[in-house]
Amino acid sequence: MKLLFKPFGLVAGLVASRAATAIFDQVWQRVDGGDLPNADVREDPAGRAIAAAALQAAIFAGTSAAASRYGMHVFEHTFGRWPGDHREAPEQVEA
């Protein structure tokens, strides 16, 4: 099933990337209101560049996880099988 899910995952990743970019741009405009700082530009303050990178990473990770999870739910609904892993049930120890 994992091999059959690969195209779904690829599409979900592309959608997540575009959505994360749009979300980050809107959030950054509300947080800072200025242009996005570049860590390679000497005149851009390091604090702003680090904050922007951390915020961008958090948004991209969250959006990617949400898109992947939603894609797996759609796949399960369509094909009847969960394409991801399953957690092993903890063993019961009898006393």
N, C-alpha and C. Protein backbone atom coordinates (compact mmCIF):
# COMPACT_ATOMS: atom_id res chain seq x y z
N MET A 1 0.81 -1.20 0.00
CA MET A 1 0.00 0.00 0.00
C MET A 1 0.85 1.26 0.00
N LYS A 2 2.03 1.18 0.64
CA LYS A 2 2.87 2.37 0.70
C LYS A 2 3.30 2.82 -0.69
N LEU A 3 3.58 1.87 -1.57
CA LEU A 3 4.00 2.22 -2.93
C LEU A 3 2.85 2.89 -3.68
N LEU A 4 1.64 2.42 -3.48
CA LEU A 4 0.48 3.00 -4.13
C LEU A 4 0.19 4.41 -3.59
N PHE A 5 0.61 4.67 -2.35
CA PHE A 5 0.38 5.98 -1.73
C PHE A 5 1.37 7.04 -2.23
N LYS A 6 2.50 6.64 -2.79
CA LYS A 6 3.55 7.59 -3.20
C LYS A 6 3.02 8.75 -4.06
N PRO A 7 2.22 8.52 -5.09
CA PRO A 7 1.70 9.66 -5.86
C PRO A 7 0.83 10.59 -5.02
N PHE A 8 0.03 10.02 -4.12
CA PHE A 8 -0.79 10.84 -3.23
C PHE A 8 0.11 11.71 -2.35
N GLY A 9 1.15 11.10 -1.80
CA GLY A 9 2.08 11.82 -0.94
C GLY A 9 2.80 12.94 -1.68
N LEU A 10 3.16 12.68 -2.93
CA LEU A 10 3.84 13.70 -3.73
C LEU A 10 2.92 14.90 -3.97
N VAL A 11 1.69 14.64 -4.32
CA VAL A 11 0.73 15.73 -4.54
C VAL A 11 0.47 16.48 -3.23
N ALA A 12 0.32 15.73 -2.14
CA ALA A 12 0.10 16.37 -0.83
C ALA A 12 1.29 17.26 -0.46
N GLY A 13 2.50 16.83 -0.77
CA GLY A 13 3.69 17.62 -0.48
C GLY A 13 3.74 18.91 -1.29
N LEU A 14 3.36 18.83 -2.55
CA LEU A 14 3.34 20.03 -3.39
C LEU A 14 2.29 21.03 -2.91
N VAL A 15 1.12 20.51 -2.56
CA VAL A 15 0.06 21.38 -2.03
C VAL A 15 0.51 22.01 -0.72
N ALA A 16 1.13 21.22 0.14
CA ALA A 16 1.60 21.72 1.43
C ALA A 16 2.64 22.81 1.25
N SER A 17 3.53 22.64 0.30
CA SER A 17 4.57 23.64 0.06
C SER A 17 3.98 24.97 -0.38
N ARG A 18 3.04 24.91 -1.30
CA ARG A 18 2.41 26.16 -1.76
C ARG A 18 1.61 26.82 -0.65
N ALA A 19 0.86 26.00 0.10
CA ALA A 19 0.05 26.54 1.19
C ALA A 19 0.94 27.14 2.28
N ALA A 20 2.03 26.47 2.62
CA ALA A 20 2.93 26.97 3.65
C ALA A 20 3.56 28.29 3.25
N THR A 21 3.92 28.42 1.99
CA THR A 21 4.50 29.68 1.51
C THR A 21 3.50 30.82 1.65
N ALA A 22 2.26 30.57 1.25
CA ALA A 22 1.23 31.61 1.36
C ALA A 22 0.94 31.95 2.82
N ILE A 23 0.86 30.93 3.67
CA ILE A 23 0.60 31.17 5.09
C ILE A 23 1.75 31.95 5.72
N PHE A 24 2.98 31.55 5.43
CA PHE A 24 4.14 32.24 6.00
C PHE A 24 4.17 33.70 5.57
N ASP A 25 3.92 33.97 4.31
CA ASP A 25 3.94 35.36 3.83
C ASP A 25 2.92 36.21 4.58
N GLN A 26 1.72 35.68 4.79
CA GLN A 26 0.70 36.43 5.51
C GLN A 26 1.07 36.62 6.98
N VAL A 27 1.57 35.56 7.61
CA VAL A 27 1.95 35.66 9.03
C VAL A 27 3.10 36.63 9.20
N TRP A 28 4.10 36.58 8.33
CA TRP A 28 5.25 37.47 8.46
C TRP A 28 4.82 38.93 8.29
N GLN A 29 3.92 39.20 7.38
CA GLN A 29 3.45 40.57 7.20
C GLN A 29 2.74 41.08 8.46
N ARG A 30 2.01 40.21 9.15
CA ARG A 30 1.33 40.62 10.39
C ARG A 30 2.31 40.74 11.55
N VAL A 31 3.32 39.89 11.58
CA VAL A 31 4.29 39.92 12.67
C VAL A 31 5.25 41.10 12.53
N ASP A 32 5.80 41.26 11.34
CA ASP A 32 6.85 42.27 11.14
C ASP A 32 6.41 43.41 10.23
N GLY A 33 5.68 43.11 9.20
CA GLY A 33 5.21 44.14 8.29
C GLY A 33 6.23 44.56 7.25
N GLY A 34 7.47 44.14 7.40
CA GLY A 34 8.51 44.53 6.45
C GLY A 34 8.87 43.39 5.53
N ASP A 35 9.90 43.65 4.73
CA ASP A 35 10.40 42.62 3.83
C ASP A 35 11.02 41.48 4.64
N LEU A 36 11.03 40.32 4.05
CA LEU A 36 11.61 39.15 4.67
C LEU A 36 13.13 39.33 4.78
N PRO A 37 13.70 39.21 5.97
CA PRO A 37 15.14 39.38 6.11
C PRO A 37 15.90 38.18 5.53
N ASN A 38 17.10 38.45 5.09
CA ASN A 38 17.95 37.40 4.52
C ASN A 38 19.16 37.23 5.42
N ALA A 39 19.43 36.02 5.85
CA ALA A 39 20.55 35.75 6.76
C ALA A 39 21.90 36.07 6.11
N ASP A 40 21.96 36.11 4.79
CA ASP A 40 23.23 36.37 4.09
C ASP A 40 23.51 37.86 3.90
N VAL A 41 22.54 38.70 4.17
CA VAL A 41 22.71 40.14 3.97
C VAL A 41 23.15 40.78 5.29
N ARG A 42 24.30 41.45 5.26
CA ARG A 42 24.90 42.02 6.46
C ARG A 42 24.00 43.05 7.13
N GLU A 43 23.28 43.82 6.35
CA GLU A 43 22.46 44.90 6.90
C GLU A 43 21.16 44.41 7.57
N ASP A 44 20.74 43.19 7.28
CA ASP A 44 19.55 42.65 7.94
C ASP A 44 19.92 42.18 9.33
N PRO A 45 19.16 42.60 10.35
CA PRO A 45 19.47 42.19 11.73
C PRO A 45 19.39 40.67 11.91
N ALA A 46 20.34 40.13 12.64
CA ALA A 46 20.41 38.68 12.84
C ALA A 46 19.16 38.17 13.55
N GLY A 47 18.66 38.90 14.52
CA GLY A 47 17.47 38.47 15.25
C GLY A 47 16.26 38.30 14.36
N ARG A 48 16.06 39.26 13.46
CA ARG A 48 14.93 39.17 12.52
C ARG A 48 15.10 37.99 11.57
N ALA A 49 16.33 37.77 11.09
CA ALA A 49 16.59 36.67 10.17
C ALA A 49 16.38 35.32 10.85
N ILE A 50 16.83 35.20 12.09
CA ILE A 50 16.65 33.95 12.83
C ILE A 50 15.18 33.72 13.15
N ALA A 51 14.49 34.77 13.58
CA ALA A 51 13.06 34.64 13.88
C ALA A 51 12.26 34.25 12.64
N ALA A 52 12.59 34.84 11.52
CA ALA A 52 11.89 34.52 10.27
C ALA A 52 12.13 33.07 9.87
N ALA A 53 13.37 32.61 10.00
CA ALA A 53 13.70 31.23 9.64
C ALA A 53 13.00 30.24 10.57
N ALA A 54 12.96 30.53 11.86
CA ALA A 54 12.30 29.64 12.82
C ALA A 54 10.79 29.59 12.56
N LEU A 55 10.18 30.74 12.31
CA LEU A 55 8.75 30.79 12.02
C LEU A 55 8.44 30.05 10.73
N GLN A 56 9.27 30.26 9.73
CA GLN A 56 9.06 29.59 8.45
C GLN A 56 9.18 28.07 8.60
N ALA A 57 10.16 27.61 9.36
CA ALA A 57 10.33 26.17 9.57
C ALA A 57 9.13 25.57 10.31
N ALA A 58 8.64 26.28 11.31
CA ALA A 58 7.48 25.78 12.06
C ALA A 58 6.24 25.69 11.18
N ILE A 59 6.02 26.71 10.37
CA ILE A 59 4.85 26.72 9.49
C ILE A 59 4.97 25.62 8.44
N PHE A 60 6.14 25.46 7.85
CA PHE A 60 6.33 24.42 6.84
C PHE A 60 6.17 23.03 7.44
N ALA A 61 6.70 22.79 8.62
CA ALA A 61 6.58 21.47 9.26
C ALA A 61 5.12 21.16 9.60
N GLY A 62 4.43 22.13 10.17
CA GLY A 62 3.03 21.91 10.52
C GLY A 62 2.15 21.70 9.31
N THR A 63 2.36 22.49 8.28
CA THR A 63 1.57 22.36 7.06
C THR A 63 1.85 21.04 6.37
N SER A 64 3.10 20.63 6.35
CA SER A 64 3.47 19.35 5.74
C SER A 64 2.84 18.18 6.48
N ALA A 65 2.88 18.22 7.82
CA ALA A 65 2.27 17.16 8.61
C ALA A 65 0.76 17.10 8.39
N ALA A 66 0.12 18.26 8.34
CA ALA A 66 -1.33 18.30 8.13
C ALA A 66 -1.70 17.76 6.75
N ALA A 67 -0.96 18.14 5.73
CA ALA A 67 -1.25 17.67 4.37
C ALA A 67 -1.00 16.17 4.24
N SER A 68 0.06 15.69 4.86
CA SER A 68 0.35 14.26 4.81
C SER A 68 -0.73 13.46 5.50
N ARG A 69 -1.12 13.91 6.67
CA ARG A 69 -2.16 13.22 7.44
C ARG A 69 -3.49 13.23 6.69
N TYR A 70 -3.86 14.39 6.14
CA TYR A 70 -5.11 14.48 5.39
C TYR A 70 -5.05 13.59 4.14
N GLY A 71 -3.90 13.58 3.47
CA GLY A 71 -3.73 12.72 2.30
C GLY A 71 -3.89 11.24 2.65
N MET A 72 -3.38 10.85 3.82
CA MET A 72 -3.53 9.47 4.26
C MET A 72 -4.99 9.14 4.55
N HIS A 73 -5.71 10.10 5.13
CA HIS A 73 -7.13 9.87 5.39
C HIS A 73 -7.91 9.72 4.08
N VAL A 74 -7.61 10.55 3.09
CA VAL A 74 -8.27 10.45 1.79
C VAL A 74 -7.95 9.10 1.15
N PHE A 75 -6.68 8.69 1.23
CA PHE A 75 -6.28 7.41 0.68
C PHE A 75 -7.03 6.27 1.37
N GLU A 76 -7.11 6.32 2.70
CA GLU A 76 -7.82 5.27 3.45
C GLU A 76 -9.30 5.24 3.07
N HIS A 77 -9.89 6.40 2.94
CA HIS A 77 -11.31 6.47 2.56
C HIS A 77 -11.52 5.90 1.15
N THR A 78 -10.58 6.17 0.26
CA THR A 78 -10.71 5.72 -1.13
C THR A 78 -10.43 4.23 -1.29
N PHE A 79 -9.35 3.74 -0.66
CA PHE A 79 -8.91 2.36 -0.88
C PHE A 79 -9.18 1.42 0.29
N GLY A 80 -9.60 1.96 1.42
CA GLY A 80 -9.95 1.10 2.55
C GLY A 80 -8.79 0.64 3.40
N ARG A 81 -7.58 1.12 3.15
CA ARG A 81 -6.40 0.73 3.93
C ARG A 81 -5.58 1.95 4.28
N TRP A 82 -5.09 1.99 5.51
CA TRP A 82 -4.23 3.09 5.96
C TRP A 82 -2.84 2.88 5.37
N PRO A 83 -2.30 3.88 4.65
CA PRO A 83 -1.00 3.69 3.98
C PRO A 83 0.21 3.85 4.90
N GLY A 84 -0.01 4.36 6.09
CA GLY A 84 1.11 4.60 7.00
C GLY A 84 1.35 3.43 7.93
N ASP A 85 2.11 3.68 8.95
CA ASP A 85 2.45 2.66 9.93
C ASP A 85 1.35 2.56 10.98
N HIS A 86 1.40 1.46 11.70
CA HIS A 86 0.49 1.24 12.82
C HIS A 86 1.32 1.05 14.07
N ARG A 87 0.85 1.59 15.17
CA ARG A 87 1.55 1.45 16.44
C ARG A 87 1.25 0.07 17.01
N GLU A 88 2.29 -0.59 17.49
CA GLU A 88 2.14 -1.90 18.11
C GLU A 88 1.39 -1.75 19.43
N ALA A 89 0.49 -2.66 19.71
CA ALA A 89 -0.23 -2.62 20.98
C ALA A 89 0.74 -3.04 22.09
N PRO A 90 0.72 -2.31 23.20
CA PRO A 90 1.63 -2.66 24.30
C PRO A 90 1.23 -4.03 24.87
N GLU A 91 2.24 -4.81 25.22
CA GLU A 91 1.98 -6.14 25.77
C GLU A 91 1.48 -6.02 27.19
N GLN A 92 0.49 -6.82 27.52
CA GLN A 92 -0.07 -6.84 28.86
C GLN A 92 0.76 -7.80 29.72
N VAL A 93 1.25 -7.33 30.83
CA VAL A 93 2.01 -8.16 31.76
C VAL A 93 1.07 -8.62 32.85
N GLU A 94 0.93 -9.93 32.98
CA GLU A 94 0.05 -10.46 34.02
C GLU A 94 0.81 -10.53 35.33
N ALA A 95 0.17 -10.10 36.40
CA ALA A 95 0.82 -10.09 37.70
C ALA A 95 0.54 -11.35 38.47
